[in-house]
Amino acid sequence: MKNIICLIFTGLFFIHKIALAVDVDIKSEEAREWANNKGHELIQVLGTKDIVEKHSKLDKMLTEDVNLDYISKFVIGKYLKTMNKDQKRRYSALFERYILSLYKQFNLHFDSSDIAFSIDNVVEHPKFTVVSCSIDANNILKNIENLEIERLPVEFRLIRGKENRIQAVDIEISNVSMVIEYRKKFYKMIMEENEEIEWFLEKFEDKIIANEMAASRVSNL
């Protein structure tokens, strides 16, 4: 009897392992197509001369193709549990404003023909899929003295997000995770405010307003 029970549990274990191996939310072909389309779309958008049009397209990509809600929760980490409903709502709205304000502080205009983009590898996991890419921007940087850069490795971590869309939840550039770096930064900000969430939110909003003002100056150049 004991041997039969052990056999049953062993069988269930292997069935579970097989199910995990097969149950991949995003297949490699689908992830590869997403990364290829979005990568080339981004390059084309960066080459858009009209800054208002460019910002509109980049905002659309960030809000639709990146799961900002997922990232905001990861970044705030353990402190999310200490927030009340109003604080969570405010933080979520502020986080989106923060992300959309960051890139607007820089004059992001490139000749799209100067950027080469390729997909190197795709790895499936049960809950996410990782796409490894390379970006070659040497033609843009060739006039900068003492700067030697090889192809830049970039990884996208993809999940099945809102409305069944494929969305990115992390980007690694040269093996540096953006969301982990943001978490370190946010934890430091919260610690500087003695872990008082209200103080953190007020300071966070002040920072965003400063970012938005800087972005406005850049767009008016």
C-alpha atoms as a PDB file:
ATOM      1  CA  MET A   1       0.000   0.000   0.000  1.00  0.00           C
ATOM      2  CA  LYS A   2       2.818   2.359   0.939  1.00  0.00           C
ATOM      3  CA  ASN A   3       4.583   1.651  -2.351  1.00  0.00           C
ATOM      4  CA  ILE A   4       1.402   2.397  -4.312  1.00  0.00           C
ATOM      5  CA  ILE A   5       0.953   5.765  -2.554  1.00  0.00           C
ATOM      6  CA  CYS A   6       4.589   6.665  -3.244  1.00  0.00           C
ATOM      7  CA  LEU A   7       4.126   5.695  -6.884  1.00  0.00           C
ATOM      8  CA  ILE A   8       1.015   7.881  -7.164  1.00  0.00           C
ATOM      9  CA  PHE A   9       2.775  10.911  -5.663  1.00  0.00           C
ATOM     10  CA  THR A  10       5.799  10.343  -7.890  1.00  0.00           C
ATOM     11  CA  GLY A  11       3.522  10.248 -10.911  1.00  0.00           C
ATOM     12  CA  LEU A  12       1.757  13.446  -9.845  1.00  0.00           C
ATOM     13  CA  PHE A  13       5.118  15.142  -9.349  1.00  0.00           C
ATOM     14  CA  PHE A  14       6.273  14.338 -12.880  1.00  0.00           C
ATOM     15  CA  ILE A  15       2.920  15.338 -14.350  1.00  0.00           C
ATOM     16  CA  HIS A  16       3.262  18.689 -12.553  1.00  0.00           C
ATOM     17  CA  LYS A  17       6.812  19.163 -13.859  1.00  0.00           C
ATOM     18  CA  ILE A  18       5.708  18.372 -17.401  1.00  0.00           C
ATOM     19  CA  ALA A  19       2.798  20.799 -17.071  1.00  0.00           C
ATOM     20  CA  LEU A  20       5.172  23.557 -15.963  1.00  0.00           C
ATOM     21  CA  ALA A  21       7.468  22.855 -18.876  1.00  0.00           C
ATOM     22  CA  VAL A  22       4.611  23.002 -21.383  1.00  0.00           C
ATOM     23  CA  ASP A  23       2.564  25.805 -19.819  1.00  0.00           C
ATOM     24  CA  VAL A  24       4.525  28.785 -21.140  1.00  0.00           C
ATOM     25  CA  ASP A  25       2.525  31.998 -21.189  1.00  0.00           C
ATOM     26  CA  ILE A  26       4.422  33.522 -24.115  1.00  0.00           C
ATOM     27  CA  LYS A  27       5.924  31.236 -26.749  1.00  0.00           C
ATOM     28  CA  SER A  28       9.360  32.085 -28.120  1.00  0.00           C
ATOM     29  CA  GLU A  29       8.056  32.796 -31.638  1.00  0.00           C
ATOM     30  CA  GLU A  30       5.521  35.268 -30.271  1.00  0.00           C
ATOM     31  CA  ALA A  31       8.103  36.938 -28.012  1.00  0.00           C
ATOM     32  CA  ARG A  32      10.583  37.204 -30.878  1.00  0.00           C
ATOM     33  CA  GLU A  33       7.977  38.825 -33.115  1.00  0.00           C
ATOM     34  CA  TRP A  34       7.008  41.288 -30.354  1.00  0.00           C
ATOM     35  CA  ALA A  35      10.620  42.287 -29.695  1.00  0.00           C
ATOM     36  CA  ASN A  36      11.405  42.632 -33.385  1.00  0.00           C
ATOM     37  CA  ASN A  37       8.334  44.789 -34.052  1.00  0.00           C
ATOM     38  CA  LYS A  38       8.710  46.969 -30.957  1.00  0.00           C
ATOM     39  CA  GLY A  39      12.463  47.347 -31.355  1.00  0.00           C
ATOM     40  CA  HIS A  40      12.193  48.634 -34.906  1.00  0.00           C
ATOM     41  CA  GLU A  41       9.150  50.737 -34.017  1.00  0.00           C
ATOM     42  CA  LEU A  42      11.124  52.419 -31.223  1.00  0.00           C
ATOM     43  CA  ILE A  43      14.029  53.156 -33.550  1.00  0.00           C
ATOM     44  CA  GLN A  44      11.659  54.746 -36.058  1.00  0.00           C
ATOM     45  CA  VAL A  45       9.964  56.820 -33.344  1.00  0.00           C
ATOM     46  CA  LEU A  46      13.334  58.103 -32.091  1.00  0.00           C
ATOM     47  CA  GLY A  47      13.963  59.353 -35.611  1.00  0.00           C
ATOM     48  CA  THR A  48      10.746  61.411 -35.632  1.00  0.00           C
ATOM     49  CA  LYS A  49      11.660  65.082 -35.994  1.00  0.00           C
ATOM     50  CA  ASP A  50       8.485  66.623 -34.569  1.00  0.00           C
ATOM     51  CA  ILE A  51       9.004  66.490 -30.803  1.00  0.00           C
ATOM     52  CA  VAL A  52       5.291  66.594 -29.930  1.00  0.00           C
ATOM     53  CA  GLU A  53       4.590  63.665 -32.242  1.00  0.00           C
ATOM     54  CA  LYS A  54       7.627  61.794 -30.900  1.00  0.00           C
ATOM     55  CA  HIS A  55       6.586  62.242 -27.275  1.00  0.00           C
ATOM     56  CA  SER A  56       3.039  61.166 -28.074  1.00  0.00           C
ATOM     57  CA  LYS A  57       4.263  57.958 -29.717  1.00  0.00           C
ATOM     58  CA  LEU A  58       6.768  57.195 -26.936  1.00  0.00           C
ATOM     59  CA  ASP A  59       4.126  57.783 -24.255  1.00  0.00           C
ATOM     60  CA  LYS A  60       1.824  55.376 -26.091  1.00  0.00           C
ATOM     61  CA  MET A  61       4.529  52.707 -26.237  1.00  0.00           C
ATOM     62  CA  LEU A  62       5.377  53.130 -22.559  1.00  0.00           C
ATOM     63  CA  THR A  63       1.770  52.901 -21.383  1.00  0.00           C
ATOM     64  CA  GLU A  64       0.715  50.082 -23.716  1.00  0.00           C
ATOM     65  CA  ASP A  65       3.828  47.946 -24.200  1.00  0.00           C
ATOM     66  CA  VAL A  66       5.275  48.296 -20.693  1.00  0.00           C
ATOM     67  CA  ASN A  67       3.310  47.098 -17.670  1.00  0.00           C
ATOM     68  CA  LEU A  68       3.806  50.170 -15.486  1.00  0.00           C
ATOM     69  CA  ASP A  69       1.414  48.889 -12.823  1.00  0.00           C
ATOM     70  CA  TYR A  70       3.457  45.692 -12.373  1.00  0.00           C
ATOM     71  CA  ILE A  71       6.727  47.637 -12.322  1.00  0.00           C
ATOM     72  CA  SER A  72       5.449  50.268  -9.875  1.00  0.00           C
ATOM     73  CA  LYS A  73       4.490  47.554  -7.396  1.00  0.00           C
ATOM     74  CA  PHE A  74       7.816  45.753  -7.764  1.00  0.00           C
ATOM     75  CA  VAL A  75       9.777  48.975  -7.340  1.00  0.00           C
ATOM     76  CA  ILE A  76       8.000  49.990  -4.125  1.00  0.00           C
ATOM     77  CA  GLY A  77       8.276  46.402  -2.880  1.00  0.00           C
ATOM     78  CA  LYS A  78       7.639  45.811   0.823  1.00  0.00           C
ATOM     79  CA  TYR A  79       6.380  49.358   1.346  1.00  0.00           C
ATOM     80  CA  LEU A  80       3.268  48.717  -0.747  1.00  0.00           C
ATOM     81  CA  LYS A  81       1.771  46.816   2.207  1.00  0.00           C
ATOM     82  CA  THR A  82       2.170  49.861   4.436  1.00  0.00           C
ATOM     83  CA  MET A  83       0.130  52.110   2.120  1.00  0.00           C
ATOM     84  CA  ASN A  84      -3.586  52.754   2.468  1.00  0.00           C
ATOM     85  CA  LYS A  85      -5.874  52.772  -0.594  1.00  0.00           C
ATOM     86  CA  ASP A  86      -5.508  56.496  -1.208  1.00  0.00           C
ATOM     87  CA  GLN A  87      -1.726  56.318  -0.965  1.00  0.00           C
ATOM     88  CA  LYS A  88      -1.630  53.383  -3.402  1.00  0.00           C
ATOM     89  CA  ARG A  89      -3.798  55.297  -5.859  1.00  0.00           C
ATOM     90  CA  ARG A  90      -1.632  58.415  -5.595  1.00  0.00           C
ATOM     91  CA  TYR A  91       1.577  56.441  -5.877  1.00  0.00           C
ATOM     92  CA  SER A  92       0.369  54.587  -8.991  1.00  0.00           C
ATOM     93  CA  ALA A  93      -0.567  57.838 -10.744  1.00  0.00           C
ATOM     94  CA  LEU A  94       2.686  59.513  -9.691  1.00  0.00           C
ATOM     95  CA  PHE A  95       4.769  56.577 -10.869  1.00  0.00           C
ATOM     96  CA  GLU A  96       3.320  56.779 -14.381  1.00  0.00           C
ATOM     97  CA  ARG A  97       3.979  60.526 -14.486  1.00  0.00           C
ATOM     98  CA  TYR A  98       7.514  59.866 -13.259  1.00  0.00           C
ATOM     99  CA  ILE A  99       8.302  57.320 -15.967  1.00  0.00           C
ATOM    100  CA  LEU A 100       6.827  59.500 -18.703  1.00  0.00           C
ATOM    101  CA  SER A 101       8.824  62.512 -17.488  1.00  0.00           C
ATOM    102  CA  LEU A 102      12.228  60.838 -17.448  1.00  0.00           C
ATOM    103  CA  TYR A 103      13.005  60.488 -21.150  1.00  0.00           C
ATOM    104  CA  LYS A 104      11.546  63.907 -22.016  1.00  0.00           C
ATOM    105  CA  GLN A 105      14.461  65.620 -20.270  1.00  0.00           C
ATOM    106  CA  PHE A 106      16.792  64.536 -23.066  1.00  0.00           C
ATOM    107  CA  ASN A 107      16.866  65.438 -26.732  1.00  0.00           C
ATOM    108  CA  LEU A 108      16.311  61.941 -28.078  1.00  0.00           C
ATOM    109  CA  HIS A 109      16.737  62.356 -31.805  1.00  0.00           C
ATOM    110  CA  PHE A 110      18.687  59.897 -33.908  1.00  0.00           C
ATOM    111  CA  ASP A 111      18.922  58.968 -37.535  1.00  0.00           C
ATOM    112  CA  SER A 112      17.227  55.574 -37.493  1.00  0.00           C
ATOM    113  CA  SER A 113      19.620  54.348 -40.190  1.00  0.00           C
ATOM    114  CA  ASP A 114      22.478  54.738 -37.668  1.00  0.00           C
ATOM    115  CA  ILE A 115      21.041  52.167 -35.246  1.00  0.00           C
ATOM    116  CA  ALA A 116      21.270  48.419 -35.854  1.00  0.00           C
ATOM    117  CA  PHE A 117      18.999  46.119 -33.857  1.00  0.00           C
ATOM    118  CA  SER A 118      18.991  42.322 -33.759  1.00  0.00           C
ATOM    119  CA  ILE A 119      17.527  39.502 -31.654  1.00  0.00           C
ATOM    120  CA  ASP A 120      20.075  37.011 -30.334  1.00  0.00           C
ATOM    121  CA  ASN A 121      18.129  34.591 -28.174  1.00  0.00           C
ATOM    122  CA  VAL A 122      14.733  33.823 -26.605  1.00  0.00           C
ATOM    123  CA  VAL A 123      14.261  31.792 -23.413  1.00  0.00           C
ATOM    124  CA  GLU A 124      10.837  30.635 -22.235  1.00  0.00           C
ATOM    125  CA  HIS A 125       9.891  30.414 -18.554  1.00  0.00           C
ATOM    126  CA  PRO A 126       6.510  29.377 -17.112  1.00  0.00           C
ATOM    127  CA  LYS A 127       5.471  32.925 -16.152  1.00  0.00           C
ATOM    128  CA  PHE A 128       7.645  35.099 -18.376  1.00  0.00           C
ATOM    129  CA  THR A 129       9.839  34.989 -21.471  1.00  0.00           C
ATOM    130  CA  VAL A 130      13.224  36.679 -21.876  1.00  0.00           C
ATOM    131  CA  VAL A 131      14.326  38.114 -25.219  1.00  0.00           C
ATOM    132  CA  SER A 132      18.033  38.932 -25.596  1.00  0.00           C
ATOM    133  CA  CYS A 133      18.862  41.584 -28.179  1.00  0.00           C
ATOM    134  CA  SER A 134      21.816  43.618 -29.371  1.00  0.00           C
ATOM    135  CA  ILE A 135      21.896  47.287 -30.279  1.00  0.00           C
ATOM    136  CA  ASP A 136      24.720  48.713 -32.353  1.00  0.00           C
ATOM    137  CA  ALA A 137      24.813  52.505 -32.159  1.00  0.00           C
ATOM    138  CA  ASN A 138      28.467  53.007 -33.061  1.00  0.00           C
ATOM    139  CA  ASN A 139      27.570  55.254 -35.987  1.00  0.00           C
ATOM    140  CA  ILE A 140      25.926  57.685 -33.557  1.00  0.00           C
ATOM    141  CA  LEU A 141      28.852  57.650 -31.131  1.00  0.00           C
ATOM    142  CA  LYS A 142      31.721  57.512 -33.640  1.00  0.00           C
ATOM    143  CA  ASN A 143      32.553  61.211 -33.275  1.00  0.00           C
ATOM    144  CA  ILE A 144      32.975  61.003 -29.503  1.00  0.00           C
ATOM    145  CA  GLU A 145      36.655  60.754 -28.636  1.00  0.00           C
ATOM    146  CA  ASN A 146      38.019  57.957 -26.435  1.00  0.00           C
ATOM    147  CA  LEU A 147      34.748  56.088 -26.586  1.00  0.00           C
ATOM    148  CA  GLU A 148      34.827  52.504 -27.743  1.00  0.00           C
ATOM    149  CA  ILE A 149      31.601  50.574 -27.471  1.00  0.00           C
ATOM    150  CA  GLU A 150      30.694  47.172 -28.799  1.00  0.00           C
ATOM    151  CA  ARG A 151      27.165  46.003 -29.488  1.00  0.00           C
ATOM    152  CA  LEU A 152      25.045  46.828 -26.451  1.00  0.00           C
ATOM    153  CA  PRO A 153      23.293  43.774 -24.933  1.00  0.00           C
ATOM    154  CA  VAL A 154      19.654  44.382 -23.988  1.00  0.00           C
ATOM    155  CA  GLU A 155      17.190  41.928 -22.435  1.00  0.00           C
ATOM    156  CA  PHE A 156      13.429  42.284 -22.261  1.00  0.00           C
ATOM    157  CA  ARG A 157      11.438  40.319 -19.669  1.00  0.00           C
ATOM    158  CA  LEU A 158       7.935  39.832 -21.053  1.00  0.00           C
ATOM    159  CA  ILE A 159       4.653  38.780 -19.448  1.00  0.00           C
ATOM    160  CA  ARG A 160       1.056  38.403 -20.572  1.00  0.00           C
ATOM    161  CA  GLY A 161      -0.450  41.624 -19.283  1.00  0.00           C
ATOM    162  CA  LYS A 162      -3.602  43.690 -19.595  1.00  0.00           C
ATOM    163  CA  GLU A 163      -6.088  42.687 -22.296  1.00  0.00           C
ATOM    164  CA  ASN A 164      -3.903  39.675 -23.100  1.00  0.00           C
ATOM    165  CA  ARG A 165      -1.175  41.998 -24.411  1.00  0.00           C
ATOM    166  CA  ILE A 166       2.496  41.098 -24.297  1.00  0.00           C
ATOM    167  CA  GLN A 167       4.169  43.668 -22.067  1.00  0.00           C
ATOM    168  CA  ALA A 168       7.670  44.289 -20.768  1.00  0.00           C
ATOM    169  CA  VAL A 169       8.196  44.268 -17.004  1.00  0.00           C
ATOM    170  CA  ASP A 170      11.970  44.742 -16.988  1.00  0.00           C
ATOM    171  CA  ILE A 171      14.777  45.796 -19.278  1.00  0.00           C
ATOM    172  CA  GLU A 172      18.367  44.794 -18.627  1.00  0.00           C
ATOM    173  CA  ILE A 173      21.086  46.838 -20.299  1.00  0.00           C
ATOM    174  CA  SER A 174      24.575  45.354 -20.064  1.00  0.00           C
ATOM    175  CA  ASN A 175      23.283  42.999 -17.329  1.00  0.00           C
ATOM    176  CA  VAL A 176      21.890  45.856 -15.226  1.00  0.00           C
ATOM    177  CA  SER A 177      18.190  45.467 -14.377  1.00  0.00           C
ATOM    178  CA  MET A 178      16.287  48.724 -14.615  1.00  0.00           C
ATOM    179  CA  VAL A 179      13.579  47.709 -12.137  1.00  0.00           C
ATOM    180  CA  ILE A 180      16.107  46.538  -9.545  1.00  0.00           C
ATOM    181  CA  GLU A 181      18.001  49.815  -9.885  1.00  0.00           C
ATOM    182  CA  TYR A 182      14.739  51.739  -9.456  1.00  0.00           C
ATOM    183  CA  ARG A 183      13.871  49.691  -6.375  1.00  0.00           C
ATOM    184  CA  LYS A 184      17.218  50.593  -4.794  1.00  0.00           C
ATOM    185  CA  LYS A 185      16.588  54.244  -5.600  1.00  0.00           C
ATOM    186  CA  PHE A 186      13.043  54.248  -4.211  1.00  0.00           C
ATOM    187  CA  TYR A 187      14.037  52.396  -1.040  1.00  0.00           C
ATOM    188  CA  LYS A 188      16.718  55.026  -0.461  1.00  0.00           C
ATOM    189  CA  MET A 189      14.186  57.831  -0.970  1.00  0.00           C
ATOM    190  CA  ILE A 190      11.771  56.246   1.502  1.00  0.00           C
ATOM    191  CA  MET A 191      14.512  55.667   4.072  1.00  0.00           C
ATOM    192  CA  GLU A 192      15.524  59.334   3.760  1.00  0.00           C
ATOM    193  CA  GLU A 193      11.964  60.211   4.799  1.00  0.00           C
ATOM    194  CA  ASN A 194      12.162  57.914   7.855  1.00  0.00           C
ATOM    195  CA  GLU A 195       9.843  55.456   6.067  1.00  0.00           C
ATOM    196  CA  GLU A 196       6.968  57.931   6.314  1.00  0.00           C
ATOM    197  CA  ILE A 197       4.955  57.212   3.176  1.00  0.00           C
ATOM    198  CA  GLU A 198       3.151  60.581   3.144  1.00  0.00           C
ATOM    199  CA  TRP A 199       6.466  62.429   3.245  1.00  0.00           C
ATOM    200  CA  PHE A 200       7.854  60.168   0.526  1.00  0.00           C
ATOM    201  CA  LEU A 201       4.823  60.804  -1.732  1.00  0.00           C
ATOM    202  CA  GLU A 202       5.129  64.570  -1.269  1.00  0.00           C
ATOM    203  CA  LYS A 203       8.839  64.525  -2.083  1.00  0.00           C
ATOM    204  CA  PHE A 204       8.215  62.143  -4.989  1.00  0.00           C
ATOM    205  CA  GLU A 205       5.650  64.530  -6.466  1.00  0.00           C
ATOM    206  CA  ASP A 206       8.056  67.460  -6.071  1.00  0.00           C
ATOM    207  CA  LYS A 207      10.673  65.476  -7.986  1.00  0.00           C
ATOM    208  CA  ILE A 208       8.200  64.701 -10.772  1.00  0.00           C
ATOM    209  CA  ILE A 209       7.181  68.355 -11.084  1.00  0.00           C
ATOM    210  CA  ALA A 210      10.870  69.301 -11.392  1.00  0.00           C
ATOM    211  CA  ASN A 211      11.309  66.607 -14.074  1.00  0.00           C
ATOM    212  CA  GLU A 212       8.267  67.872 -15.986  1.00  0.00           C
ATOM    213  CA  MET A 213       9.556  71.457 -15.872  1.00  0.00           C
ATOM    214  CA  ALA A 214      12.951  70.319 -17.173  1.00  0.00           C
ATOM    215  CA  ALA A 215      11.209  68.337 -19.909  1.00  0.00           C
ATOM    216  CA  SER A 216       9.192  71.398 -20.897  1.00  0.00           C
ATOM    217  CA  ARG A 217      12.388  73.432 -21.285  1.00  0.00           C
ATOM    218  CA  VAL A 218      13.922  70.758 -23.523  1.00  0.00           C
ATOM    219  CA  SER A 219      10.851  70.531 -25.735  1.00  0.00           C
ATOM    220  CA  ASN A 220      10.887  74.332 -26.200  1.00  0.00           C
ATOM    221  CA  LEU A 221      14.498  74.421 -27.404  1.00  0.00           C
END
